[in-house]
Amino acid sequence: QVQLVESGGGLVQPGGSLRLSCAASGRFSSINRMAWYRQAPGKERELVATIIGGTITNDADSVKGRFTISRDYGKHTAFLQMNSLSLDDPAVYYCNADMLIMSTWTNYWGQGTQVTVSS
């Protein structure tokens, strides 16, 4: 069974940092695009950052200069380094990836990890 498992969420004070991880497991041949989304209560899911090959895109203007997406290709893992967290950042953060399974590209979501920012 193919799955994405996020970890690293938690409670942090304003100005603090967290590093989220997203590990892909199961039987797949390749992973193309990996991305992080977030969804705050009462709001739509928002694309935060994307990484495809060596190209990184910070899709949310609010995180530019503070969040960095990266990837360990050998371990099929993506990361989101979040610095200078603010009271606007709390949300459930989701990993998303396009994975090649049996010659078919399929999009997968992780279960999400909660990020809380509070003093």
N, C-alpha and C. Protein backbone atom coordinates (compact mmCIF):
# COMPACT_ATOMS: atom_id res chain seq x y z
N GLN A 1 0.84 -1.18 0.00
CA GLN A 1 0.00 0.00 0.00
C GLN A 1 0.89 1.25 0.00
N VAL A 2 0.64 2.12 -0.94
CA VAL A 2 1.41 3.35 -1.03
C VAL A 2 0.83 4.38 -0.08
N GLN A 3 1.71 5.06 0.63
CA GLN A 3 1.23 6.10 1.52
C GLN A 3 2.29 7.17 1.74
N LEU A 4 1.80 8.33 2.14
CA LEU A 4 2.65 9.44 2.55
C LEU A 4 2.39 9.67 4.03
N VAL A 5 3.44 9.76 4.80
CA VAL A 5 3.29 9.93 6.25
C VAL A 5 4.03 11.19 6.68
N GLU A 6 3.26 12.15 7.20
CA GLU A 6 3.87 13.38 7.68
C GLU A 6 4.21 13.26 9.15
N SER A 7 5.20 14.03 9.57
CA SER A 7 5.57 14.13 10.97
C SER A 7 6.24 15.47 11.21
N GLY A 8 6.41 15.81 12.49
CA GLY A 8 7.13 17.03 12.83
C GLY A 8 6.27 18.18 13.28
N GLY A 9 4.96 18.03 13.20
CA GLY A 9 4.09 19.09 13.68
C GLY A 9 4.11 19.18 15.19
N GLY A 10 3.51 20.25 15.69
CA GLY A 10 3.45 20.42 17.13
C GLY A 10 3.14 21.84 17.51
N LEU A 11 3.41 22.15 18.77
CA LEU A 11 3.15 23.48 19.33
C LEU A 11 4.46 24.26 19.40
N VAL A 12 4.42 25.50 18.93
CA VAL A 12 5.61 26.33 18.95
C VAL A 12 5.18 27.76 19.26
N GLN A 13 6.06 28.51 19.86
CA GLN A 13 5.78 29.91 20.16
C GLN A 13 5.98 30.77 18.91
N PRO A 14 5.35 31.92 18.84
CA PRO A 14 5.59 32.83 17.71
C PRO A 14 7.08 33.12 17.56
N GLY A 15 7.55 33.10 16.33
CA GLY A 15 8.97 33.29 16.07
C GLY A 15 9.77 32.02 16.06
N GLY A 16 9.16 30.93 16.48
CA GLY A 16 9.86 29.66 16.53
C GLY A 16 9.91 28.94 15.20
N SER A 17 10.48 27.75 15.22
CA SER A 17 10.67 26.96 13.99
C SER A 17 10.20 25.53 14.19
N LEU A 18 9.79 24.95 13.08
CA LEU A 18 9.46 23.53 13.02
C LEU A 18 9.94 22.99 11.68
N ARG A 19 10.24 21.71 11.67
CA ARG A 19 10.61 21.04 10.42
C ARG A 19 9.68 19.86 10.20
N LEU A 20 8.89 19.94 9.16
CA LEU A 20 7.98 18.86 8.83
C LEU A 20 8.66 17.88 7.87
N SER A 21 8.30 16.62 8.02
CA SER A 21 8.80 15.58 7.13
C SER A 21 7.64 14.85 6.50
N CYS A 22 7.86 14.36 5.28
CA CYS A 22 6.86 13.57 4.57
C CYS A 22 7.58 12.40 3.92
N ALA A 23 7.32 11.22 4.42
CA ALA A 23 7.99 10.03 3.92
C ALA A 23 7.03 9.19 3.08
N ALA A 24 7.47 8.86 1.89
CA ALA A 24 6.67 8.01 1.01
C ALA A 24 7.09 6.55 1.19
N SER A 25 6.11 5.67 1.24
CA SER A 25 6.41 4.26 1.39
C SER A 25 5.47 3.44 0.52
N GLY A 26 5.83 2.18 0.30
CA GLY A 26 5.01 1.30 -0.52
C GLY A 26 5.68 1.00 -1.85
N ARG A 27 4.92 0.41 -2.74
CA ARG A 27 5.47 -0.02 -4.02
C ARG A 27 5.16 1.02 -5.10
N PHE A 28 6.14 1.83 -5.37
CA PHE A 28 6.02 2.80 -6.44
C PHE A 28 7.36 2.87 -7.17
N SER A 29 7.33 3.35 -8.41
CA SER A 29 8.55 3.38 -9.22
C SER A 29 9.28 4.71 -9.12
N SER A 30 8.51 5.77 -8.96
CA SER A 30 9.12 7.09 -8.97
C SER A 30 8.17 8.10 -8.36
N ILE A 31 8.73 9.20 -7.91
CA ILE A 31 7.94 10.33 -7.43
C ILE A 31 8.36 11.55 -8.23
N ASN A 32 7.39 12.27 -8.75
CA ASN A 32 7.71 13.49 -9.50
C ASN A 32 7.52 14.69 -8.58
N ARG A 33 6.42 15.33 -8.69
CA ARG A 33 6.14 16.52 -7.88
C ARG A 33 5.83 16.15 -6.44
N MET A 34 6.40 16.89 -5.49
CA MET A 34 6.01 16.82 -4.09
C MET A 34 5.68 18.24 -3.64
N ALA A 35 4.71 18.34 -2.76
CA ALA A 35 4.26 19.67 -2.35
C ALA A 35 3.71 19.61 -0.93
N TRP A 36 3.66 20.78 -0.33
CA TRP A 36 3.04 20.94 0.98
C TRP A 36 1.86 21.89 0.82
N TYR A 37 0.75 21.51 1.45
CA TYR A 37 -0.45 22.33 1.53
C TYR A 37 -0.75 22.53 3.01
N ARG A 38 -1.60 23.50 3.26
CA ARG A 38 -2.08 23.68 4.63
C ARG A 38 -3.55 24.11 4.60
N GLN A 39 -4.24 23.75 5.68
CA GLN A 39 -5.64 24.13 5.80
C GLN A 39 -5.93 24.54 7.23
N ALA A 40 -6.30 25.80 7.38
CA ALA A 40 -6.69 26.32 8.69
C ALA A 40 -8.19 26.15 8.86
N PRO A 41 -8.68 26.13 10.08
CA PRO A 41 -10.12 25.97 10.32
C PRO A 41 -10.93 27.04 9.60
N GLY A 42 -11.93 26.59 8.87
CA GLY A 42 -12.81 27.52 8.17
C GLY A 42 -12.25 28.08 6.88
N LYS A 43 -11.06 27.62 6.49
CA LYS A 43 -10.44 28.14 5.27
C LYS A 43 -10.21 27.02 4.27
N GLU A 44 -10.02 27.41 3.01
CA GLU A 44 -9.72 26.43 1.99
C GLU A 44 -8.28 25.94 2.11
N ARG A 45 -8.05 24.75 1.57
CA ARG A 45 -6.69 24.23 1.55
C ARG A 45 -5.83 25.11 0.63
N GLU A 46 -4.64 25.43 1.10
CA GLU A 46 -3.76 26.38 0.42
C GLU A 46 -2.45 25.69 0.05
N LEU A 47 -2.00 25.90 -1.19
CA LEU A 47 -0.71 25.37 -1.62
C LEU A 47 0.40 26.24 -1.04
N VAL A 48 1.31 25.61 -0.31
CA VAL A 48 2.38 26.35 0.37
C VAL A 48 3.65 26.37 -0.47
N ALA A 49 4.12 25.20 -0.88
CA ALA A 49 5.38 25.12 -1.62
C ALA A 49 5.42 23.83 -2.42
N THR A 50 6.15 23.87 -3.53
CA THR A 50 6.25 22.73 -4.44
C THR A 50 7.70 22.50 -4.81
N ILE A 51 8.07 21.24 -4.99
CA ILE A 51 9.40 20.91 -5.49
C ILE A 51 9.26 19.85 -6.57
N ILE A 52 9.82 20.15 -7.73
CA ILE A 52 9.83 19.22 -8.87
C ILE A 52 11.26 19.18 -9.38
N GLY A 53 11.90 18.04 -9.23
CA GLY A 53 13.29 17.97 -9.61
C GLY A 53 14.07 18.97 -8.80
N GLY A 54 14.78 19.84 -9.44
CA GLY A 54 15.54 20.86 -8.73
C GLY A 54 14.84 22.19 -8.64
N THR A 55 13.61 22.25 -9.06
CA THR A 55 12.86 23.51 -9.07
C THR A 55 11.97 23.60 -7.84
N ILE A 56 12.16 24.70 -7.12
CA ILE A 56 11.38 24.94 -5.91
C ILE A 56 10.51 26.16 -6.12
N THR A 57 9.26 26.06 -5.71
CA THR A 57 8.34 27.18 -5.81
C THR A 57 7.68 27.39 -4.46
N ASN A 58 7.81 28.59 -3.92
CA ASN A 58 7.03 28.98 -2.75
C ASN A 58 5.75 29.62 -3.27
N ASP A 59 4.69 28.85 -3.21
CA ASP A 59 3.47 29.28 -3.85
C ASP A 59 2.65 30.25 -3.02
N ALA A 60 2.83 30.23 -1.73
CA ALA A 60 2.10 31.14 -0.86
C ALA A 60 2.97 32.34 -0.55
N ASP A 61 2.52 33.52 -0.91
CA ASP A 61 3.30 34.73 -0.66
C ASP A 61 3.61 34.91 0.81
N SER A 62 2.72 34.48 1.66
CA SER A 62 2.87 34.70 3.09
C SER A 62 4.02 33.91 3.70
N VAL A 63 4.54 32.90 2.99
CA VAL A 63 5.60 32.09 3.57
C VAL A 63 6.96 32.36 2.93
N LYS A 64 6.99 33.19 1.89
CA LYS A 64 8.25 33.45 1.21
C LYS A 64 9.25 34.09 2.16
N GLY A 65 10.46 33.54 2.14
CA GLY A 65 11.50 34.02 3.04
C GLY A 65 11.48 33.37 4.40
N ARG A 66 10.42 32.59 4.68
CA ARG A 66 10.33 31.94 5.99
C ARG A 66 10.30 30.42 5.88
N PHE A 67 9.64 29.89 4.88
CA PHE A 67 9.51 28.45 4.72
C PHE A 67 10.38 27.99 3.55
N THR A 68 10.96 26.80 3.71
CA THR A 68 11.79 26.23 2.65
C THR A 68 11.42 24.77 2.46
N ILE A 69 11.10 24.41 1.24
CA ILE A 69 10.83 23.01 0.91
C ILE A 69 12.12 22.37 0.39
N SER A 70 12.33 21.12 0.74
CA SER A 70 13.49 20.39 0.25
C SER A 70 13.11 18.92 0.13
N ARG A 71 14.06 18.14 -0.38
CA ARG A 71 13.73 16.75 -0.65
C ARG A 71 14.98 15.90 -0.57
N ASP A 72 14.83 14.71 -0.01
CA ASP A 72 15.85 13.69 -0.03
C ASP A 72 15.37 12.63 -1.02
N TYR A 73 15.93 12.63 -2.23
CA TYR A 73 15.43 11.73 -3.28
C TYR A 73 15.72 10.28 -2.95
N GLY A 74 16.83 10.03 -2.30
CA GLY A 74 17.17 8.65 -1.97
C GLY A 74 16.24 8.04 -0.94
N LYS A 75 15.71 8.86 -0.06
CA LYS A 75 14.83 8.37 1.00
C LYS A 75 13.36 8.65 0.72
N HIS A 76 13.07 9.17 -0.49
CA HIS A 76 11.68 9.46 -0.88
C HIS A 76 10.98 10.32 0.17
N THR A 77 11.66 11.33 0.63
CA THR A 77 11.15 12.16 1.70
C THR A 77 11.23 13.63 1.32
N ALA A 78 10.19 14.37 1.66
CA ALA A 78 10.18 15.82 1.49
C ALA A 78 10.15 16.48 2.87
N PHE A 79 10.67 17.69 2.92
CA PHE A 79 10.72 18.43 4.17
C PHE A 79 10.14 19.83 3.96
N LEU A 80 9.66 20.40 5.03
CA LEU A 80 9.27 21.80 5.02
C LEU A 80 9.86 22.44 6.28
N GLN A 81 10.90 23.24 6.08
CA GLN A 81 11.50 23.97 7.19
C GLN A 81 10.73 25.27 7.35
N MET A 82 10.16 25.46 8.51
CA MET A 82 9.34 26.63 8.79
C MET A 82 9.99 27.46 9.87
N ASN A 83 10.39 28.66 9.53
CA ASN A 83 11.02 29.58 10.46
C ASN A 83 10.13 30.80 10.68
N SER A 84 10.40 31.50 11.74
CA SER A 84 9.65 32.73 12.07
C SER A 84 8.15 32.49 12.01
N LEU A 85 7.71 31.41 12.63
CA LEU A 85 6.29 31.08 12.62
C LEU A 85 5.48 32.16 13.30
N SER A 86 4.33 32.45 12.72
CA SER A 86 3.47 33.51 13.25
C SER A 86 2.09 32.95 13.57
N LEU A 87 1.26 33.80 14.13
CA LEU A 87 -0.09 33.40 14.50
C LEU A 87 -0.96 33.17 13.26
N ASP A 88 -0.46 33.48 12.08
CA ASP A 88 -1.18 33.22 10.83
C ASP A 88 -0.86 31.85 10.24
N ASP A 89 0.08 31.13 10.85
CA ASP A 89 0.52 29.87 10.28
C ASP A 89 -0.15 28.60 10.82
N PRO A 90 -0.84 28.63 11.94
CA PRO A 90 -1.47 27.41 12.44
C PRO A 90 -2.43 26.79 11.43
N ALA A 91 -2.29 25.49 11.24
CA ALA A 91 -3.11 24.77 10.28
C ALA A 91 -2.73 23.31 10.35
N VAL A 92 -3.49 22.49 9.65
CA VAL A 92 -3.06 21.13 9.38
C VAL A 92 -2.26 21.19 8.09
N TYR A 93 -1.06 20.68 8.13
CA TYR A 93 -0.17 20.69 6.97
C TYR A 93 -0.19 19.31 6.33
N TYR A 94 -0.43 19.31 5.01
CA TYR A 94 -0.55 18.07 4.27
C TYR A 94 0.55 17.96 3.22
N CYS A 95 1.04 16.74 3.07
CA CYS A 95 1.98 16.43 2.00
C CYS A 95 1.19 15.87 0.81
N ASN A 96 1.66 16.20 -0.38
CA ASN A 96 1.01 15.74 -1.61
C ASN A 96 2.09 15.35 -2.61
N ALA A 97 1.87 14.27 -3.34
CA ALA A 97 2.89 13.81 -4.28
C ALA A 97 2.27 13.09 -5.46
N ASP A 98 2.94 13.21 -6.60
CA ASP A 98 2.58 12.45 -7.80
C ASP A 98 3.53 11.26 -7.87
N MET A 99 2.95 10.06 -7.83
CA MET A 99 3.75 8.85 -7.73
C MET A 99 3.44 7.91 -8.89
N LEU A 100 4.49 7.29 -9.42
CA LEU A 100 4.33 6.37 -10.54
C LEU A 100 4.15 4.95 -10.01
N ILE A 101 2.97 4.41 -10.28
CA ILE A 101 2.62 3.08 -9.80
C ILE A 101 2.06 2.29 -10.98
N MET A 102 2.72 1.20 -11.32
CA MET A 102 2.26 0.35 -12.42
C MET A 102 2.04 1.17 -13.69
N SER A 103 2.99 1.99 -14.03
CA SER A 103 2.99 2.81 -15.25
C SER A 103 1.93 3.90 -15.25
N THR A 104 1.34 4.18 -14.12
CA THR A 104 0.31 5.22 -14.02
C THR A 104 0.70 6.22 -12.94
N TRP A 105 0.63 7.49 -13.29
CA TRP A 105 0.90 8.54 -12.30
C TRP A 105 -0.36 8.77 -11.49
N THR A 106 -0.21 8.74 -10.18
CA THR A 106 -1.34 8.90 -9.27
C THR A 106 -0.98 9.92 -8.21
N ASN A 107 -1.94 10.75 -7.85
CA ASN A 107 -1.73 11.76 -6.83
C ASN A 107 -2.15 11.25 -5.47
N TYR A 108 -1.28 11.44 -4.48
CA TYR A 108 -1.55 10.97 -3.13
C TYR A 108 -1.45 12.10 -2.13
N TRP A 109 -2.23 11.95 -1.07
CA TRP A 109 -2.21 12.88 0.07
C TRP A 109 -1.78 12.13 1.33
N GLY A 110 -1.07 12.84 2.19
CA GLY A 110 -0.81 12.31 3.51
C GLY A 110 -1.99 12.62 4.43
N GLN A 111 -1.89 12.16 5.67
CA GLN A 111 -2.99 12.32 6.61
C GLN A 111 -2.98 13.68 7.30
N GLY A 112 -1.88 14.40 7.18
CA GLY A 112 -1.78 15.73 7.77
C GLY A 112 -1.10 15.72 9.12
N THR A 113 -0.46 16.84 9.43
CA THR A 113 0.15 17.02 10.75
C THR A 113 -0.20 18.43 11.23
N GLN A 114 -0.59 18.53 12.49
CA GLN A 114 -1.08 19.78 13.04
C GLN A 114 0.08 20.67 13.47
N VAL A 115 0.02 21.92 13.07
CA VAL A 115 0.96 22.94 13.53
C VAL A 115 0.19 23.99 14.31
N THR A 116 0.59 24.22 15.54
CA THR A 116 -0.05 25.20 16.41
C THR A 116 0.98 26.23 16.84
N VAL A 117 0.62 27.49 16.73
CA VAL A 117 1.50 28.58 17.15
C VAL A 117 0.79 29.36 18.24
N SER A 118 1.40 29.38 19.40
CA SER A 118 0.75 30.04 20.53
C SER A 118 1.80 30.45 21.54
N SER A 119 1.55 31.58 22.20
CA SER A 119 2.45 32.01 23.26
C SER A 119 1.95 31.51 24.61
